[in-house]
Amino acid sequence: MTKKASFASCSCLPRGSLHSSNFLVFVLLRLVFVLFRLAALWFIILQFPFHIKMACKHAAKFFPVMKTPALPEGSMHGKFALVTGGGTGLGRAMATQLSRLGATVAIAGRRTDVLQKTADDIHLETKGKVVPIQMDVSKPEIVTESVNVVEKEFGRLPNIVINNAAGNFIMASERLSANAVRKVVEIVQLGTVNVTTEIDAALLTARRLASKRAHGCAFLNISTPYARSGGPFVMPSAMSKAAVENLTKTLAAEWAQYGMRFNVIAPGPIPTEGAFGRLSNMTMEETVKLMAKTVPTGRCGEPEEIANLAAYMCSDYASWMNGSIIDFDGGQQFLNHGSSFGDFLHKVPKGEWAKIEEVIRKRTGKLKTK
C-alpha cells in the first residue's frame, strides 16, 4: 500500500522545517524574496510610465527637418491665397511659403498690428504682395465685409483658402462654462463655415465663387488627429474640429462641380507660442521636450514642414486630391491614440486646475471658464 506523502517529506521545505522557529524563518525569507521581486517590477514600471507612451529619444536623428520649399520656384504664380489666422504661428508659415512660391496673399485675423507686421515681414523676405485683412471669422457679417474688402483690394476672389483660425486651451471639462465652449465653437467650427459657405443668407466666399464660376478654389482646413479619437481636456476644440472634418468631406462631394476641392491637414505637436502657450502651463521648452517624447519620430514638427505640405495640397500638383484628411503628426496618434495631453493630464490633482487656468489666462488674457 502506497504511503501518503507527509508534509514533512515535502522536498520544498528544509529538513526540520516543521519546528516552529525554523518554519517562521523560512516563511519570512520567502516573503522578503517576493517583496524584492515586486519592488524591482515596480521600479521598472516607474521608469517606463504607461500614462503617456514614450518614443525612442534617439529617433529624431533619422528624420531631419527640411525647411526649404519642396515645390519648384514659381509654382504658385498667378494664385491668390486667403489665409485666416495668418498673422502668427502656422498661418504665418503657410502664408510665407505661398508667397515665396509666387502667390499673392491676404492674411486675415483680428489684430491689425500683428497682421501688418507679418505682412511687412513676409514681403521683405519674398518680395511678394501680402495684404493684411482684419476679420473676425466668428461673426458672419464681418466675414462678408472682409471678403468685400478682399475682392476690392485684389479685383478678384481667392482661388486658395486656408481656414486656419483657431481657438483652444486645455481645461478639465467640468470647469468649462457654456460661454467658453461657445467661443471655441464660434471660431473653429462656425468660423470655418462662415468663410467657406453661406450663413444667415450672407453671401460669403465659396457661394460667391459658385455663382460667378470665374475660377475654382482649393480649400484647406486645419484640424487635429484628436478630432477623430476624442480630445480629453480640449473638448470644445475636439468637437469643433470633428465638425470641420465632416464639413470638408461633405463639400468635397457636393461642390466639386463648381471647381472647388476641400482637404484637411491634421497636424500633431508643432511648437508655436500661441498654441503651446494655451495647451500647457509649463514653459515652452518644457512642453516641447514633453511632446517630443510622445512622437515615434522623436521630435516635434516645424512650421516650415506643414507649410510645405499645405503648399502642395493647394497647388495644381494636387488637383485630384479632394476630401482627403492628412494626419501630420510623426505617428504620435498611434502611441497616444490621438491625444497629446489626455492621459498625462489625468494625473493633475483637481485643485491644480485653478492654477493652470491662471497661468493660461495670463498668456491669453481672454480665457474664461466658470
Foldseek 3Di string as FASTA:
>chain_A
DDDDDDPQNDPVDDHPCVPPVNVVVVVVVVVVVVVVVVVVVVVVCVVQPQLFHFAPQPLQVVPDADQDAPDDAQLLAPFEEEFEVLLFDLNVLLQLNSLQNHYAYEYEEADPVSQVVSQVVSCVVRVHHYHYFYAQLLDLVRQLVRQVVVCVVVVHGGQEYELDFFDWFFAQPVQFDPVLLVVRLSGQASSVVSQQHDDPNRCHRNNVLLVVLPAHHEYEYEAALCLPQPEGRGRSRNVRRVNVLVVQLVCLVVVVVSVYAGEYEHEADEDDCVVVLRYWLDDSVVVQCLLLRLANSNGFHYSSVVSNVSVCCRGPVNSVDHSYYHYHYNCSCVRVVRYRCRSVCVPPDPVCRVVSQVSSCVSVVDDDGD
